[in-house]
Amino acid sequence: MTMQIEPKIGCIANAMQIIGNKWTALILRDLSAGPKRFSELEKSVGGINPRTLSQRLDDLEAHGIVTKRSYAEVPPRIEYTLTSKGTDLIPVLKQMASWGEKYYDSAAV
């Protein structure tokens, strides 16, 4: 008897549409600590092109993973926060981190 990973075919593919893009998991990791501004994410993720970061944030917002809140200040301030749907991804990221830690030494980095 084999262990079934997916309750129905397509579940993993659906999740990968959201977290499978380069940088997305790192953005989610950093937002797990609380709301962040664009410039804070740019620094904490490290090495990401601002246009790519903007695209990833827009995608995550479209999928209901992240909310974008604007403050009427001068200069304007925008913060990104995980939604409850986004927070539900944190255990997945923790499992990925755990796997990465276990096999880090054997990885060709």
PDB file of N, CA and C in Angstrom:
ATOM      1  N   MET A   1       0.848  -1.179   0.000  1.00  0.00           N
ATOM      2  CA  MET A   1       0.000   0.000   0.000  1.00  0.00           C
ATOM      3  C   MET A   1       0.893   1.241   0.000  1.00  0.00           C
ATOM      4  N   THR A   2       0.677   2.122  -0.952  1.00  0.00           N
ATOM      5  CA  THR A   2       1.482   3.331  -1.040  1.00  0.00           C
ATOM      6  C   THR A   2       0.790   4.490  -0.332  1.00  0.00           C
ATOM      7  N   MET A   3       1.621   5.379   0.196  1.00  0.00           N
ATOM      8  CA  MET A   3       1.082   6.555   0.873  1.00  0.00           C
ATOM      9  C   MET A   3       0.670   7.582  -0.179  1.00  0.00           C
ATOM     10  N   GLN A   4      -0.523   8.064  -0.045  1.00  0.00           N
ATOM     11  CA  GLN A   4      -0.992   9.080  -0.976  1.00  0.00           C
ATOM     12  C   GLN A   4      -0.656  10.461  -0.413  1.00  0.00           C
ATOM     13  N   ILE A   5       0.065  11.241  -1.181  1.00  0.00           N
ATOM     14  CA  ILE A   5       0.479  12.572  -0.740  1.00  0.00           C
ATOM     15  C   ILE A   5      -0.623  13.588  -0.988  1.00  0.00           C
ATOM     16  N   GLU A   6      -1.256  13.505  -2.147  1.00  0.00           N
ATOM     17  CA  GLU A   6      -2.299  14.459  -2.514  1.00  0.00           C
ATOM     18  C   GLU A   6      -3.689  13.879  -2.282  1.00  0.00           C
ATOM     19  N   PRO A   7      -4.599  14.666  -1.676  1.00  0.00           N
ATOM     20  CA  PRO A   7      -5.975  14.187  -1.543  1.00  0.00           C
ATOM     21  C   PRO A   7      -6.632  14.005  -2.912  1.00  0.00           C
ATOM     22  N   LYS A   8      -6.258  14.855  -3.866  1.00  0.00           N
ATOM     23  CA  LYS A   8      -6.698  14.691  -5.248  1.00  0.00           C
ATOM     24  C   LYS A   8      -5.620  15.257  -6.161  1.00  0.00           C
ATOM     25  N   ILE A   9      -5.515  14.714  -7.348  1.00  0.00           N
ATOM     26  CA  ILE A   9      -4.495  15.137  -8.296  1.00  0.00           C
ATOM     27  C   ILE A   9      -4.673  16.625  -8.615  1.00  0.00           C
ATOM     28  N   GLY A  10      -3.564  17.355  -8.589  1.00  0.00           N
ATOM     29  CA  GLY A  10      -3.586  18.782  -8.901  1.00  0.00           C
ATOM     30  C   GLY A  10      -3.332  19.676  -7.711  1.00  0.00           C
ATOM     31  N   CYS A  11      -3.413  19.129  -6.500  1.00  0.00           N
ATOM     32  CA  CYS A  11      -3.211  19.953  -5.300  1.00  0.00           C
ATOM     33  C   CYS A  11      -1.787  20.513  -5.230  1.00  0.00           C
ATOM     34  N   ILE A  12      -0.809  19.663  -5.491  1.00  0.00           N
ATOM     35  CA  ILE A  12       0.581  20.122  -5.448  1.00  0.00           C
ATOM     36  C   ILE A  12       0.832  21.122  -6.576  1.00  0.00           C
ATOM     37  N   ALA A  13       0.293  20.846  -7.747  1.00  0.00           N
ATOM     38  CA  ALA A  13       0.454  21.772  -8.875  1.00  0.00           C
ATOM     39  C   ALA A  13      -0.141  23.141  -8.546  1.00  0.00           C
ATOM     40  N   ASN A  14      -1.291  23.158  -7.890  1.00  0.00           N
ATOM     41  CA  ASN A  14      -1.909  24.433  -7.496  1.00  0.00           C
ATOM     42  C   ASN A  14      -1.028  25.190  -6.513  1.00  0.00           C
ATOM     43  N   ALA A  15      -0.474  24.491  -5.536  1.00  0.00           N
ATOM     44  CA  ALA A  15       0.404  25.137  -4.555  1.00  0.00           C
ATOM     45  C   ALA A  15       1.665  25.667  -5.234  1.00  0.00           C
ATOM     46  N   MET A  16       2.204  24.897  -6.175  1.00  0.00           N
ATOM     47  CA  MET A  16       3.426  25.309  -6.855  1.00  0.00           C
ATOM     48  C   MET A  16       3.211  26.523  -7.753  1.00  0.00           C
ATOM     49  N   GLN A  17       1.978  26.737  -8.215  1.00  0.00           N
ATOM     50  CA  GLN A  17       1.702  27.942  -8.996  1.00  0.00           C
ATOM     51  C   GLN A  17       1.953  29.185  -8.149  1.00  0.00           C
ATOM     52  N   ILE A  18       1.759  29.049  -6.853  1.00  0.00           N
ATOM     53  CA  ILE A  18       1.954  30.183  -5.955  1.00  0.00           C
ATOM     54  C   ILE A  18       3.374  30.225  -5.414  1.00  0.00           C
ATOM     55  N   ILE A  19       3.853  29.151  -4.820  1.00  0.00           N
ATOM     56  CA  ILE A  19       5.163  29.195  -4.154  1.00  0.00           C
ATOM     57  C   ILE A  19       6.309  28.697  -5.019  1.00  0.00           C
ATOM     58  N   GLY A  20       6.023  28.260  -6.234  1.00  0.00           N
ATOM     59  CA  GLY A  20       7.064  27.693  -7.090  1.00  0.00           C
ATOM     60  C   GLY A  20       7.929  28.707  -7.809  1.00  0.00           C
ATOM     61  N   ASN A  21       7.501  29.960  -7.845  1.00  0.00           N
ATOM     62  CA  ASN A  21       8.308  30.981  -8.512  1.00  0.00           C
ATOM     63  C   ASN A  21       9.532  31.319  -7.683  1.00  0.00           C
ATOM     64  N   LYS A  22      10.628  31.605  -8.388  1.00  0.00           N
ATOM     65  CA  LYS A  22      11.856  31.995  -7.696  1.00  0.00           C
ATOM     66  C   LYS A  22      11.567  33.227  -6.840  1.00  0.00           C
ATOM     67  N   TRP A  23      12.097  33.257  -5.660  1.00  0.00           N
ATOM     68  CA  TRP A  23      12.011  34.338  -4.681  1.00  0.00           C
ATOM     69  C   TRP A  23      10.754  34.291  -3.813  1.00  0.00           C
ATOM     70  N   THR A  24       9.692  33.670  -4.266  1.00  0.00           N
ATOM     71  CA  THR A  24       8.424  33.737  -3.534  1.00  0.00           C
ATOM     72  C   THR A  24       8.541  33.181  -2.125  1.00  0.00           C
ATOM     73  N   ALA A  25       9.183  32.038  -1.967  1.00  0.00           N
ATOM     74  CA  ALA A  25       9.311  31.441  -0.635  1.00  0.00           C
ATOM     75  C   ALA A  25      10.090  32.365   0.307  1.00  0.00           C
ATOM     76  N   LEU A  26      11.097  33.065  -0.229  1.00  0.00           N
ATOM     77  CA  LEU A  26      11.882  33.981   0.606  1.00  0.00           C
ATOM     78  C   LEU A  26      11.067  35.217   0.992  1.00  0.00           C
ATOM     79  N   ILE A  27      10.231  35.686   0.091  1.00  0.00           N
ATOM     80  CA  ILE A  27       9.339  36.810   0.401  1.00  0.00           C
ATOM     81  C   ILE A  27       8.378  36.398   1.511  1.00  0.00           C
ATOM     82  N   LEU A  28       7.801  35.213   1.382  1.00  0.00           N
ATOM     83  CA  LEU A  28       6.876  34.714   2.405  1.00  0.00           C
ATOM     84  C   LEU A  28       7.592  34.522   3.738  1.00  0.00           C
ATOM     85  N   ARG A  29       8.806  34.011   3.686  1.00  0.00           N
ATOM     86  CA  ARG A  29       9.607  33.842   4.908  1.00  0.00           C
ATOM     87  C   ARG A  29       9.742  35.176   5.633  1.00  0.00           C
ATOM     88  N   ASP A  30      10.082  36.209   4.895  1.00  0.00           N
ATOM     89  CA  ASP A  30      10.320  37.511   5.516  1.00  0.00           C
ATOM     90  C   ASP A  30       9.027  38.160   6.001  1.00  0.00           C
ATOM     91  N   LEU A  31       7.936  37.949   5.288  1.00  0.00           N
ATOM     92  CA  LEU A  31       6.643  38.496   5.726  1.00  0.00           C
ATOM     93  C   LEU A  31       6.081  37.739   6.928  1.00  0.00           C
ATOM     94  N   SER A  32       6.581  36.535   7.174  1.00  0.00           N
ATOM     95  CA  SER A  32       6.092  35.758   8.323  1.00  0.00           C
ATOM     96  C   SER A  32       6.439  36.445   9.643  1.00  0.00           C
ATOM     97  N   ALA A  33       7.457  37.303   9.622  1.00  0.00           N
ATOM     98  CA  ALA A  33       7.864  38.028  10.831  1.00  0.00           C
ATOM     99  C   ALA A  33       6.988  39.256  11.086  1.00  0.00           C
ATOM    100  N   GLY A  34       6.144  39.606  10.118  1.00  0.00           N
ATOM    101  CA  GLY A  34       5.267  40.768  10.280  1.00  0.00           C
ATOM    102  C   GLY A  34       5.289  41.644   9.043  1.00  0.00           C
ATOM    103  N   PRO A  35       4.506  42.717   9.065  1.00  0.00           N
ATOM    104  CA  PRO A  35       4.410  43.612   7.906  1.00  0.00           C
ATOM    105  C   PRO A  35       5.768  44.186   7.508  1.00  0.00           C
ATOM    106  N   LYS A  36       5.965  44.317   6.214  1.00  0.00           N
ATOM    107  CA  LYS A  36       7.216  44.861   5.692  1.00  0.00           C
ATOM    108  C   LYS A  36       6.913  45.839   4.555  1.00  0.00           C
ATOM    109  N   ARG A  37       7.769  46.840   4.450  1.00  0.00           N
ATOM    110  CA  ARG A  37       7.702  47.761   3.325  1.00  0.00           C
ATOM    111  C   ARG A  37       8.507  47.175   2.172  1.00  0.00           C
ATOM    112  N   PHE A  38       8.259  47.693   0.972  1.00  0.00           N
ATOM    113  CA  PHE A  38       8.939  47.210  -0.227  1.00  0.00           C
ATOM    114  C   PHE A  38      10.456  47.233  -0.044  1.00  0.00           C
ATOM    115  N   SER A  39      10.985  48.358   0.428  1.00  0.00           N
ATOM    116  CA  SER A  39      12.444  48.493   0.580  1.00  0.00           C
ATOM    117  C   SER A  39      12.997  47.498   1.605  1.00  0.00           C
ATOM    118  N   GLU A  40      12.224  47.215   2.643  1.00  0.00           N
ATOM    119  CA  GLU A  40      12.658  46.233   3.648  1.00  0.00           C
ATOM    120  C   GLU A  40      12.739  44.838   3.024  1.00  0.00           C
ATOM    121  N   LEU A  41      11.747  44.497   2.207  1.00  0.00           N
ATOM    122  CA  LEU A  41      11.751  43.195   1.536  1.00  0.00           C
ATOM    123  C   LEU A  41      12.909  43.106   0.542  1.00  0.00           C
ATOM    124  N   GLU A  42      13.146  44.184  -0.156  1.00  0.00           N
ATOM    125  CA  GLU A  42      14.235  44.213  -1.129  1.00  0.00           C
ATOM    126  C   GLU A  42      15.571  43.893  -0.450  1.00  0.00           C
ATOM    127  N   LYS A  43      15.789  44.452   0.736  1.00  0.00           N
ATOM    128  CA  LYS A  43      17.024  44.211   1.487  1.00  0.00           C
ATOM    129  C   LYS A  43      17.056  42.813   2.085  1.00  0.00           C
ATOM    130  N   SER A  44      15.948  42.389   2.707  1.00  0.00           N
ATOM    131  CA  SER A  44      15.954  41.112   3.423  1.00  0.00           C
ATOM    132  C   SER A  44      15.999  39.916   2.480  1.00  0.00           C
ATOM    133  N   VAL A  45      15.330  40.004   1.339  1.00  0.00           N
ATOM    134  CA  VAL A  45      15.353  38.894   0.376  1.00  0.00           C
ATOM    135  C   VAL A  45      16.737  38.808  -0.253  1.00  0.00           C
ATOM    136  N   GLY A  46      17.316  39.942  -0.577  1.00  0.00           N
ATOM    137  CA  GLY A  46      18.691  39.987  -1.080  1.00  0.00           C
ATOM    138  C   GLY A  46      18.849  39.515  -2.512  1.00  0.00           C
ATOM    139  N   GLY A  47      19.358  40.381  -3.366  1.00  0.00           N
ATOM    140  CA  GLY A  47      19.663  40.004  -4.743  1.00  0.00           C
ATOM    141  C   GLY A  47      18.482  40.005  -5.699  1.00  0.00           C
ATOM    142  N   ILE A  48      17.308  40.395  -5.235  1.00  0.00           N
ATOM    143  CA  ILE A  48      16.131  40.390  -6.105  1.00  0.00           C
ATOM    144  C   ILE A  48      16.022  41.731  -6.828  1.00  0.00           C
ATOM    145  N   ASN A  49      15.706  41.670  -8.098  1.00  0.00           N
ATOM    146  CA  ASN A  49      15.478  42.856  -8.907  1.00  0.00           C
ATOM    147  C   ASN A  49      14.177  43.512  -8.425  1.00  0.00           C
ATOM    148  N   PRO A  50      14.128  44.835  -8.281  1.00  0.00           N
ATOM    149  CA  PRO A  50      12.911  45.500  -7.817  1.00  0.00           C
ATOM    150  C   PRO A  50      11.681  45.189  -8.675  1.00  0.00           C
ATOM    151  N   ARG A  51      11.873  45.062  -9.977  1.00  0.00           N
ATOM    152  CA  ARG A  51      10.749  44.731 -10.861  1.00  0.00           C
ATOM    153  C   ARG A  51      10.223  43.325 -10.557  1.00  0.00           C
ATOM    154  N   THR A  52      11.123  42.394 -10.310  1.00  0.00           N
ATOM    155  CA  THR A  52      10.736  41.023  -9.970  1.00  0.00           C
ATOM    156  C   THR A  52      10.005  41.005  -8.636  1.00  0.00           C
ATOM    157  N   LEU A  53      10.518  41.736  -7.650  1.00  0.00           N
ATOM    158  CA  LEU A  53       9.862  41.799  -6.348  1.00  0.00           C
ATOM    159  C   LEU A  53       8.453  42.353  -6.497  1.00  0.00           C
ATOM    160  N   SER A  54       8.306  43.393  -7.273  1.00  0.00           N
ATOM    161  CA  SER A  54       6.994  43.987  -7.510  1.00  0.00           C
ATOM    162  C   SER A  54       6.043  42.981  -8.159  1.00  0.00           C
ATOM    163  N   GLN A  55       6.528  42.244  -9.153  1.00  0.00           N
ATOM    164  CA  GLN A  55       5.707  41.215  -9.817  1.00  0.00           C
ATOM    165  C   GLN A  55       5.291  40.115  -8.845  1.00  0.00           C
ATOM    166  N   ARG A  56       6.242  39.647  -8.029  1.00  0.00           N
ATOM    167  CA  ARG A  56       5.924  38.579  -7.074  1.00  0.00           C
ATOM    168  C   ARG A  56       4.895  39.056  -6.057  1.00  0.00           C
ATOM    169  N   LEU A  57       5.056  40.281  -5.560  1.00  0.00           N
ATOM    170  CA  LEU A  57       4.101  40.814  -4.594  1.00  0.00           C
ATOM    171  C   LEU A  57       2.712  40.965  -5.220  1.00  0.00           C
ATOM    172  N   ASP A  58       2.672  41.422  -6.469  1.00  0.00           N
ATOM    173  CA  ASP A  58       1.385  41.546  -7.174  1.00  0.00           C
ATOM    174  C   ASP A  58       0.732  40.178  -7.347  1.00  0.00           C
ATOM    175  N   ASP A  59       1.524  39.168  -7.708  1.00  0.00           N
ATOM    176  CA  ASP A  59       1.000  37.800  -7.865  1.00  0.00           C
ATOM    177  C   ASP A  59       0.460  37.274  -6.536  1.00  0.00           C
ATOM    178  N   LEU A  60       1.227  37.483  -5.476  1.00  0.00           N
ATOM    179  CA  LEU A  60       0.803  37.006  -4.157  1.00  0.00           C
ATOM    180  C   LEU A  60      -0.468  37.727  -3.701  1.00  0.00           C
ATOM    181  N   GLU A  61      -0.575  38.988  -4.025  1.00  0.00           N
ATOM    182  CA  GLU A  61      -1.788  39.739  -3.685  1.00  0.00           C
ATOM    183  C   GLU A  61      -2.975  39.216  -4.489  1.00  0.00           C
ATOM    184  N   ALA A  62      -2.767  38.940  -5.767  1.00  0.00           N
ATOM    185  CA  ALA A  62      -3.834  38.405  -6.630  1.00  0.00           C
ATOM    186  C   ALA A  62      -4.330  37.046  -6.148  1.00  0.00           C
ATOM    187  N   HIS A  63      -3.432  36.259  -5.563  1.00  0.00           N
ATOM    188  CA  HIS A  63      -3.810  34.937  -5.044  1.00  0.00           C
ATOM    189  C   HIS A  63      -4.355  34.991  -3.618  1.00  0.00           C
ATOM    190  N   GLY A  64      -4.402  36.176  -3.032  1.00  0.00           N
ATOM    191  CA  GLY A  64      -4.932  36.313  -1.678  1.00  0.00           C
ATOM    192  C   GLY A  64      -3.962  35.869  -0.592  1.00  0.00           C
ATOM    193  N   ILE A  65      -2.672  35.849  -0.906  1.00  0.00           N
ATOM    194  CA  ILE A  65      -1.643  35.416   0.036  1.00  0.00           C
ATOM    195  C   ILE A  65      -1.119  36.608   0.835  1.00  0.00           C
ATOM    196  N   VAL A  66      -1.120  37.772   0.209  1.00  0.00           N
ATOM    197  CA  VAL A  66      -0.563  38.993   0.777  1.00  0.00           C
ATOM    198  C   VAL A  66      -1.573  40.128   0.607  1.00  0.00           C
ATOM    199  N   THR A  67      -1.615  41.022   1.574  1.00  0.00           N
ATOM    200  CA  THR A  67      -2.395  42.249   1.412  1.00  0.00           C
ATOM    201  C   THR A  67      -1.426  43.419   1.347  1.00  0.00           C
ATOM    202  N   LYS A  68      -1.850  44.428   0.633  1.00  0.00           N
ATOM    203  CA  LYS A  68      -1.058  45.642   0.441  1.00  0.00           C
ATOM    204  C   LYS A  68      -1.844  46.782   1.071  1.00  0.00           C
ATOM    205  N   ARG A  69      -1.236  47.456   2.018  1.00  0.00           N
ATOM    206  CA  ARG A  69      -1.922  48.546   2.712  1.00  0.00           C
ATOM    207  C   ARG A  69      -1.164  49.849   2.492  1.00  0.00           C
ATOM    208  N   SER A  70      -1.883  50.853   2.005  1.00  0.00           N
ATOM    209  CA  SER A  70      -1.286  52.163   1.767  1.00  0.00           C
ATOM    210  C   SER A  70      -1.648  53.107   2.894  1.00  0.00           C
ATOM    211  N   TYR A  71      -0.678  53.891   3.306  1.00  0.00           N
ATOM    212  CA  TYR A  71      -0.889  54.903   4.347  1.00  0.00           C
ATOM    213  C   TYR A  71      -0.799  56.283   3.711  1.00  0.00           C
ATOM    214  N   ALA A  72      -1.739  57.141   4.044  1.00  0.00           N
ATOM    215  CA  ALA A  72      -1.775  58.501   3.488  1.00  0.00           C
ATOM    216  C   ALA A  72      -0.777  59.378   4.227  1.00  0.00           C
ATOM    217  N   GLU A  73       0.474  59.204   3.904  1.00  0.00           N
ATOM    218  CA  GLU A  73       1.551  59.965   4.518  1.00  0.00           C
ATOM    219  C   GLU A  73       2.387  60.582   3.408  1.00  0.00           C
ATOM    220  N   VAL A  74       3.246  61.500   3.784  1.00  0.00           N
ATOM    221  CA  VAL A  74       4.187  62.061   2.830  1.00  0.00           C
ATOM    222  C   VAL A  74       5.587  61.765   3.351  1.00  0.00           C
ATOM    223  N   PRO A  75       6.404  60.977   2.627  1.00  0.00           N
ATOM    224  CA  PRO A  75       6.035  60.261   1.400  1.00  0.00           C
ATOM    225  C   PRO A  75       5.086  59.099   1.698  1.00  0.00           C
ATOM    226  N   PRO A  76       4.352  58.640   0.682  1.00  0.00           N
ATOM    227  CA  PRO A  76       3.401  57.542   0.900  1.00  0.00           C
ATOM    228  C   PRO A  76       4.114  56.282   1.407  1.00  0.00           C
ATOM    229  N   ARG A  77       3.445  55.554   2.267  1.00  0.00           N
ATOM    230  CA  ARG A  77       4.018  54.331   2.824  1.00  0.00           C
ATOM    231  C   ARG A  77       3.085  53.179   2.470  1.00  0.00           C
ATOM    232  N   ILE A  78       3.671  52.099   1.989  1.00  0.00           N
ATOM    233  CA  ILE A  78       2.908  50.894   1.651  1.00  0.00           C
ATOM    234  C   ILE A  78       3.535  49.734   2.400  1.00  0.00           C
ATOM    235  N   GLU A  79       2.689  48.949   3.073  1.00  0.00           N
ATOM    236  CA  GLU A  79       3.160  47.760   3.780  1.00  0.00           C
ATOM    237  C   GLU A  79       2.472  46.524   3.233  1.00  0.00           C
ATOM    238  N   TYR A  80       3.229  45.439   3.226  1.00  0.00           N
ATOM    239  CA  TYR A  80       2.728  44.132   2.786  1.00  0.00           C
ATOM    240  C   TYR A  80       2.636  43.227   4.000  1.00  0.00           C
ATOM    241  N   THR A  81       1.533  42.491   4.075  1.00  0.00           N
ATOM    242  CA  THR A  81       1.271  41.610   5.208  1.00  0.00           C
ATOM    243  C   THR A  81       0.712  40.295   4.683  1.00  0.00           C
ATOM    244  N   LEU A  82       1.042  39.197   5.366  1.00  0.00           N
ATOM    245  CA  LEU A  82       0.441  37.908   5.018  1.00  0.00           C
ATOM    246  C   LEU A  82      -1.028  37.898   5.431  1.00  0.00           C
ATOM    247  N   THR A  83      -1.865  37.308   4.590  1.00  0.00           N
ATOM    248  CA  THR A  83      -3.253  37.062   4.952  1.00  0.00           C
ATOM    249  C   THR A  83      -3.300  35.745   5.729  1.00  0.00           C
ATOM    250  N   SER A  84      -4.469  35.337   6.174  1.00  0.00           N
ATOM    251  CA  SER A  84      -4.558  34.037   6.856  1.00  0.00           C
ATOM    252  C   SER A  84      -4.207  32.911   5.886  1.00  0.00           C
ATOM    253  N   LYS A  85      -4.562  33.081   4.627  1.00  0.00           N
ATOM    254  CA  LYS A  85      -4.198  32.097   3.598  1.00  0.00           C
ATOM    255  C   LYS A  85      -2.666  32.029   3.459  1.00  0.00           C
ATOM    256  N   GLY A  86      -2.021  33.177   3.524  1.00  0.00           N
ATOM    257  CA  GLY A  86      -0.563  33.224   3.458  1.00  0.00           C
ATOM    258  C   GLY A  86       0.085  32.622   4.693  1.00  0.00           C
ATOM    259  N   THR A  87      -0.497  32.900   5.849  1.00  0.00           N
ATOM    260  CA  THR A  87       0.017  32.353   7.106  1.00  0.00           C
ATOM    261  C   THR A  87      -0.067  30.826   7.102  1.00  0.00           C
ATOM    262  N   ASP A  88      -1.052  30.284   6.420  1.00  0.00           N
ATOM    263  CA  ASP A  88      -1.184  28.820   6.316  1.00  0.00           C
ATOM    264  C   ASP A  88      -0.024  28.185   5.559  1.00  0.00           C
ATOM    265  N   LEU A  89       0.741  28.984   4.819  1.00  0.00           N
ATOM    266  CA  LEU A  89       1.901  28.455   4.096  1.00  0.00           C
ATOM    267  C   LEU A  89       3.151  28.347   4.972  1.00  0.00           C
ATOM    268  N   ILE A  90       3.141  28.979   6.127  1.00  0.00           N
ATOM    269  CA  ILE A  90       4.328  28.995   6.987  1.00  0.00           C
ATOM    270  C   ILE A  90       4.784  27.587   7.385  1.00  0.00           C
ATOM    271  N   PRO A  91       3.880  26.671   7.785  1.00  0.00           N
ATOM    272  CA  PRO A  91       4.347  25.307   8.097  1.00  0.00           C
ATOM    273  C   PRO A  91       5.019  24.622   6.901  1.00  0.00           C
ATOM    274  N   VAL A  92       4.555  24.920   5.686  1.00  0.00           N
ATOM    275  CA  VAL A  92       5.175  24.359   4.478  1.00  0.00           C
ATOM    276  C   VAL A  92       6.607  24.882   4.361  1.00  0.00           C
ATOM    277  N   LEU A  93       6.784  26.184   4.585  1.00  0.00           N
ATOM    278  CA  LEU A  93       8.123  26.777   4.516  1.00  0.00           C
ATOM    279  C   LEU A  93       9.034  26.226   5.608  1.00  0.00           C
ATOM    280  N   LYS A  94       8.469  26.004   6.799  1.00  0.00           N
ATOM    281  CA  LYS A  94       9.261  25.426   7.890  1.00  0.00           C
ATOM    282  C   LYS A  94       9.728  24.022   7.528  1.00  0.00           C
ATOM    283  N   GLN A  95       8.868  23.244   6.886  1.00  0.00           N
ATOM    284  CA  GLN A  95       9.255  21.900   6.450  1.00  0.00           C
ATOM    285  C   GLN A  95      10.348  21.974   5.389  1.00  0.00           C
ATOM    286  N   MET A  96      10.228  22.938   4.475  1.00  0.00           N
ATOM    287  CA  MET A  96      11.261  23.122   3.459  1.00  0.00           C
ATOM    288  C   MET A  96      12.592  23.492   4.114  1.00  0.00           C
ATOM    289  N   ALA A  97      12.534  24.377   5.108  1.00  0.00           N
ATOM    290  CA  ALA A  97      13.753  24.788   5.819  1.00  0.00           C
ATOM    291  C   ALA A  97      14.371  23.612   6.560  1.00  0.00           C
ATOM    292  N   SER A  98      13.529  22.797   7.164  1.00  0.00           N
ATOM    293  CA  SER A  98      13.997  21.625   7.895  1.00  0.00           C
ATOM    294  C   SER A  98      14.700  20.644   6.947  1.00  0.00           C
ATOM    295  N   TRP A  99      14.104  20.421   5.789  1.00  0.00           N
ATOM    296  CA  TRP A  99      14.700  19.540   4.787  1.00  0.00           C
ATOM    297  C   TRP A  99      16.025  20.143   4.308  1.00  0.00           C
ATOM    298  N   GLY A 100      16.029  21.452   4.056  1.00  0.00           N
ATOM    299  CA  GLY A 100      17.240  22.131   3.612  1.00  0.00           C
ATOM    300  C   GLY A 100      18.372  22.031   4.616  1.00  0.00           C
ATOM    301  N   GLU A 101      18.017  22.149   5.895  1.00  0.00           N
ATOM    302  CA  GLU A 101      19.032  22.036   6.942  1.00  0.00           C
ATOM    303  C   GLU A 101      19.594  20.621   7.005  1.00  0.00           C
ATOM    304  N   LYS A 102      18.726  19.633   6.877  1.00  0.00           N
ATOM    305  CA  LYS A 102      19.147  18.218   6.955  1.00  0.00           C
ATOM    306  C   LYS A 102      20.111  17.853   5.833  1.00  0.00           C
ATOM    307  N   TYR A 103      19.851  18.392   4.628  1.00  0.00           N
ATOM    308  CA  TYR A 103      20.659  18.000   3.472  1.00  0.00           C
ATOM    309  C   TYR A 103      21.567  19.108   2.961  1.00  0.00           C
ATOM    310  N   TYR A 104      21.722  20.183   3.720  1.00  0.00           N
ATOM    311  CA  TYR A 104      22.528  21.329   3.273  1.00  0.00           C
ATOM    312  C   TYR A 104      23.963  20.915   2.936  1.00  0.00           C
ATOM    313  N   ASP A 105      24.598  20.121   3.779  1.00  0.00           N
ATOM    314  CA  ASP A 105      26.002  19.741   3.571  1.00  0.00           C
ATOM    315  C   ASP A 105      26.197  18.967   2.278  1.00  0.00           C
ATOM    316  N   SER A 106      25.183  18.193   1.884  1.00  0.00           N
ATOM    317  CA  SER A 106      25.338  17.382   0.679  1.00  0.00           C
ATOM    318  C   SER A 106      24.933  18.132  -0.577  1.00  0.00           C
ATOM    319  N   ALA A 107      24.389  19.352  -0.410  1.00  0.00           N
ATOM    320  CA  ALA A 107      23.964  20.134  -1.566  1.00  0.00           C
ATOM    321  C   ALA A 107      25.169  20.802  -2.219  1.00  0.00           C
ATOM    322  N   ALA A 108      25.144  20.825  -3.531  1.00  0.00           N
ATOM    323  CA  ALA A 108      26.214  21.507  -4.272  1.00  0.00           C
ATOM    324  C   ALA A 108      25.824  22.976  -4.396  1.00  0.00           C
ATOM    325  N   VAL A 109      26.308  23.781  -3.447  1.00  0.00           N
ATOM    326  CA  VAL A 109      25.943  25.205  -3.426  1.00  0.00           C
ATOM    327  C   VAL A 109      27.065  26.035  -4.000  1.00  0.00           C
TER     328      VAL A 109
END
